[in-house]
């Protein structure tokens, strides 16, 4: 199975009933093969997400003005950090273990970010 995947077999394909190749392997008692297929499918999904993110970044860089600070992007990034990573950054007593430091080129940008 690993050789087939290496040669281009697509473990993300589904049968008419929606079953994956891993589902079929499990139905016939091949749990080890199912795990290999699940891992390959997960890796393909991760790679696809990375390619999508790369394409989005390229598109953003084409459209963005390099001489302007993207305040909306800065706000969204800070919000993402606080909502997705703040829990990981707590000290033993439950207080915050750090801060987010943002450098901006001028007072106008600082005022806009508030």
Foldseek 3Di string as FASTA:
>chain_A
DVVVVVVPDQQPDADPVRDTPLNVCVVVPNNVVSVVSVVSNVVVVVVVVVVVVVVVVVVCVVPDDPVDDPLVVVLVVVVCCCVPPQVVQADPVGHGNDDDDDDDDDPVSVVVND
